[in-house]
Amino acid sequence: MVRNGDTLEPASWETAIRRAADGFRAVRDEHGGEAFGLFSCSKATNETNYVAQKFARVVMGSNNIDSCNRT
């Protein structure tokens, strides 16, 4: 589902992923990478957490990544 105005409409995976990527890109371009943050979970695999931090740092340009590993 994607939002068009005040309504949600069915969408293909390609459209939904493109819409999400456009949103991330718009935030990064308008406010810089530090406007983006990511929270990962200690129950995820090491590989998943590695990809999450790489995405935040390399793609979004943000060091704002945290996880529940500290608790």
N, C-alpha and C. Protein backbone atom coordinates (compact mmCIF):
# COMPACT_ATOMS: atom_id res chain seq x y z
N MET A 1 0.84 -1.16 0.00
CA MET A 1 0.00 0.00 0.00
C MET A 1 0.90 1.25 0.00
N VAL A 2 0.52 2.23 -0.77
CA VAL A 2 1.20 3.51 -0.78
C VAL A 2 0.17 4.61 -0.57
N ARG A 3 0.62 5.70 0.04
CA ARG A 3 -0.29 6.80 0.32
C ARG A 3 -0.32 7.76 -0.86
N ASN A 4 -1.51 8.06 -1.31
CA ASN A 4 -1.75 9.09 -2.32
C ASN A 4 -2.74 10.06 -1.71
N GLY A 5 -2.21 11.19 -1.24
CA GLY A 5 -3.07 12.15 -0.54
C GLY A 5 -3.50 11.59 0.79
N ASP A 6 -4.79 11.46 1.00
CA ASP A 6 -5.32 10.94 2.26
C ASP A 6 -5.69 9.47 2.18
N THR A 7 -5.46 8.83 1.05
CA THR A 7 -5.88 7.43 0.90
C THR A 7 -4.68 6.52 0.68
N LEU A 8 -4.87 5.26 1.08
CA LEU A 8 -3.89 4.22 0.80
C LEU A 8 -4.37 3.41 -0.39
N GLU A 9 -3.46 3.15 -1.31
CA GLU A 9 -3.81 2.41 -2.51
C GLU A 9 -2.86 1.23 -2.70
N PRO A 10 -3.36 0.12 -3.21
CA PRO A 10 -2.48 -1.02 -3.48
C PRO A 10 -1.38 -0.62 -4.46
N ALA A 11 -0.21 -1.21 -4.27
CA ALA A 11 0.92 -0.92 -5.15
C ALA A 11 1.77 -2.17 -5.32
N SER A 12 2.52 -2.21 -6.40
CA SER A 12 3.45 -3.32 -6.61
C SER A 12 4.64 -3.15 -5.66
N TRP A 13 5.41 -4.22 -5.48
CA TRP A 13 6.61 -4.13 -4.65
C TRP A 13 7.57 -3.11 -5.23
N GLU A 14 7.70 -3.09 -6.54
CA GLU A 14 8.62 -2.16 -7.20
C GLU A 14 8.24 -0.71 -6.89
N THR A 15 6.95 -0.41 -6.97
CA THR A 15 6.47 0.94 -6.68
C THR A 15 6.68 1.29 -5.21
N ALA A 16 6.37 0.35 -4.31
CA ALA A 16 6.51 0.61 -2.88
C ALA A 16 7.97 0.84 -2.49
N ILE A 17 8.88 0.04 -3.01
CA ILE A 17 10.30 0.20 -2.70
C ILE A 17 10.84 1.50 -3.29
N ARG A 18 10.42 1.83 -4.50
CA ARG A 18 10.85 3.09 -5.10
C ARG A 18 10.36 4.27 -4.27
N ARG A 19 9.12 4.21 -3.79
CA ARG A 19 8.56 5.30 -2.98
C ARG A 19 9.35 5.44 -1.67
N ALA A 20 9.70 4.31 -1.03
CA ALA A 20 10.48 4.37 0.21
C ALA A 20 11.87 4.94 -0.06
N ALA A 21 12.52 4.49 -1.12
CA ALA A 21 13.86 5.00 -1.47
C ALA A 21 13.81 6.49 -1.76
N ASP A 22 12.78 6.93 -2.47
CA ASP A 22 12.64 8.36 -2.76
C ASP A 22 12.48 9.17 -1.47
N GLY A 23 11.76 8.62 -0.50
CA GLY A 23 11.58 9.30 0.78
C GLY A 23 12.89 9.42 1.55
N PHE A 24 13.66 8.33 1.61
CA PHE A 24 14.97 8.37 2.27
C PHE A 24 15.88 9.38 1.59
N ARG A 25 15.89 9.36 0.26
CA ARG A 25 16.75 10.26 -0.52
C ARG A 25 16.36 11.72 -0.28
N ALA A 26 15.06 11.99 -0.23
CA ALA A 26 14.59 13.36 -0.02
C ALA A 26 15.02 13.89 1.34
N VAL A 27 14.93 13.07 2.39
CA VAL A 27 15.35 13.50 3.72
C VAL A 27 16.85 13.76 3.73
N ARG A 28 17.63 12.84 3.17
CA ARG A 28 19.09 13.01 3.14
C ARG A 28 19.49 14.25 2.35
N ASP A 29 18.86 14.46 1.19
CA ASP A 29 19.23 15.60 0.35
C ASP A 29 18.83 16.92 0.98
N GLU A 30 17.69 16.96 1.66
CA GLU A 30 17.21 18.21 2.23
C GLU A 30 17.85 18.54 3.58
N HIS A 31 18.09 17.51 4.41
CA HIS A 31 18.55 17.76 5.78
C HIS A 31 19.92 17.18 6.08
N GLY A 32 20.51 16.45 5.15
CA GLY A 32 21.81 15.82 5.39
C GLY A 32 21.65 14.44 6.01
N GLY A 33 22.72 13.67 5.96
CA GLY A 33 22.68 12.30 6.46
C GLY A 33 22.39 12.19 7.94
N GLU A 34 22.79 13.19 8.72
CA GLU A 34 22.58 13.12 10.16
C GLU A 34 21.11 13.24 10.56
N ALA A 35 20.23 13.55 9.60
CA ALA A 35 18.80 13.58 9.89
C ALA A 35 18.21 12.17 9.90
N PHE A 36 19.01 11.19 9.50
CA PHE A 36 18.57 9.81 9.43
C PHE A 36 19.15 9.02 10.59
N GLY A 37 18.35 8.16 11.18
CA GLY A 37 18.83 7.27 12.23
C GLY A 37 18.28 5.88 12.01
N LEU A 38 18.99 4.88 12.50
CA LEU A 38 18.58 3.50 12.32
C LEU A 38 18.78 2.75 13.62
N PHE A 39 17.82 1.94 13.99
CA PHE A 39 17.89 1.12 15.20
C PHE A 39 17.79 -0.33 14.78
N SER A 40 18.76 -1.14 15.19
CA SER A 40 18.73 -2.56 14.86
C SER A 40 18.52 -3.37 16.13
N CYS A 41 18.38 -4.67 15.97
CA CYS A 41 18.02 -5.53 17.09
C CYS A 41 19.09 -6.59 17.33
N SER A 42 19.35 -6.86 18.59
CA SER A 42 20.36 -7.87 18.94
C SER A 42 19.89 -9.28 18.57
N LYS A 43 18.61 -9.46 18.34
CA LYS A 43 18.10 -10.79 17.96
C LYS A 43 18.30 -11.06 16.47
N ALA A 44 18.66 -10.03 15.71
CA ALA A 44 18.97 -10.21 14.29
C ALA A 44 20.36 -10.84 14.17
N THR A 45 20.65 -11.38 13.02
CA THR A 45 21.96 -11.99 12.81
C THR A 45 23.03 -10.90 12.72
N ASN A 46 24.27 -11.30 12.93
CA ASN A 46 25.39 -10.37 12.77
C ASN A 46 25.42 -9.79 11.36
N GLU A 47 25.10 -10.63 10.39
CA GLU A 47 25.11 -10.18 9.00
C GLU A 47 24.04 -9.10 8.76
N THR A 48 22.87 -9.29 9.33
CA THR A 48 21.80 -8.30 9.18
C THR A 48 22.19 -6.98 9.83
N ASN A 49 22.74 -7.04 11.05
CA ASN A 49 23.18 -5.82 11.73
C ASN A 49 24.32 -5.15 10.98
N TYR A 50 25.21 -5.93 10.37
CA TYR A 50 26.31 -5.37 9.58
C TYR A 50 25.76 -4.60 8.38
N VAL A 51 24.82 -5.21 7.66
CA VAL A 51 24.22 -4.55 6.49
C VAL A 51 23.48 -3.29 6.92
N ALA A 52 22.81 -3.33 8.06
CA ALA A 52 22.08 -2.15 8.55
C ALA A 52 23.04 -0.99 8.81
N GLN A 53 24.15 -1.27 9.50
CA GLN A 53 25.09 -0.17 9.79
C GLN A 53 25.77 0.31 8.52
N LYS A 54 26.04 -0.58 7.57
CA LYS A 54 26.62 -0.16 6.30
C LYS A 54 25.66 0.74 5.53
N PHE A 55 24.37 0.38 5.53
CA PHE A 55 23.37 1.20 4.86
C PHE A 55 23.33 2.60 5.48
N ALA A 56 23.27 2.66 6.81
CA ALA A 56 23.19 3.96 7.49
C ALA A 56 24.42 4.81 7.19
N ARG A 57 25.59 4.20 7.25
CA ARG A 57 26.83 4.97 7.11
C ARG A 57 27.18 5.29 5.67
N VAL A 58 27.10 4.30 4.79
CA VAL A 58 27.56 4.49 3.41
C VAL A 58 26.47 5.13 2.54
N VAL A 59 25.27 4.59 2.60
CA VAL A 59 24.20 5.08 1.73
C VAL A 59 23.62 6.38 2.24
N MET A 60 23.29 6.43 3.55
CA MET A 60 22.62 7.60 4.10
C MET A 60 23.59 8.65 4.63
N GLY A 61 24.85 8.28 4.87
CA GLY A 61 25.83 9.24 5.37
C GLY A 61 25.62 9.60 6.82
N SER A 62 25.16 8.64 7.62
CA SER A 62 24.83 8.90 9.03
C SER A 62 25.56 7.92 9.94
N ASN A 63 26.02 8.42 11.07
CA ASN A 63 26.55 7.54 12.11
C ASN A 63 25.51 7.28 13.19
N ASN A 64 24.27 7.70 12.95
CA ASN A 64 23.20 7.53 13.93
C ASN A 64 22.62 6.12 13.81
N ILE A 65 23.34 5.16 14.37
CA ILE A 65 22.86 3.78 14.39
C ILE A 65 23.05 3.24 15.78
N ASP A 66 22.03 2.57 16.27
CA ASP A 66 22.06 2.03 17.63
C ASP A 66 21.36 0.67 17.61
N SER A 67 21.53 -0.07 18.67
CA SER A 67 20.83 -1.34 18.79
C SER A 67 20.53 -1.61 20.26
N CYS A 68 19.73 -2.60 20.48
CA CYS A 68 19.36 -2.96 21.85
C CYS A 68 20.42 -3.87 22.49
N ASN A 69 21.58 -4.02 21.86
CA ASN A 69 22.65 -4.85 22.43
C ASN A 69 23.12 -4.33 23.77
N ARG A 70 22.97 -3.03 24.00
CA ARG A 70 23.48 -2.44 25.22
C ARG A 70 22.63 -2.75 26.44
N THR A 71 21.39 -3.19 26.25
CA THR A 71 20.50 -3.38 27.40
C THR A 71 20.61 -4.74 28.00
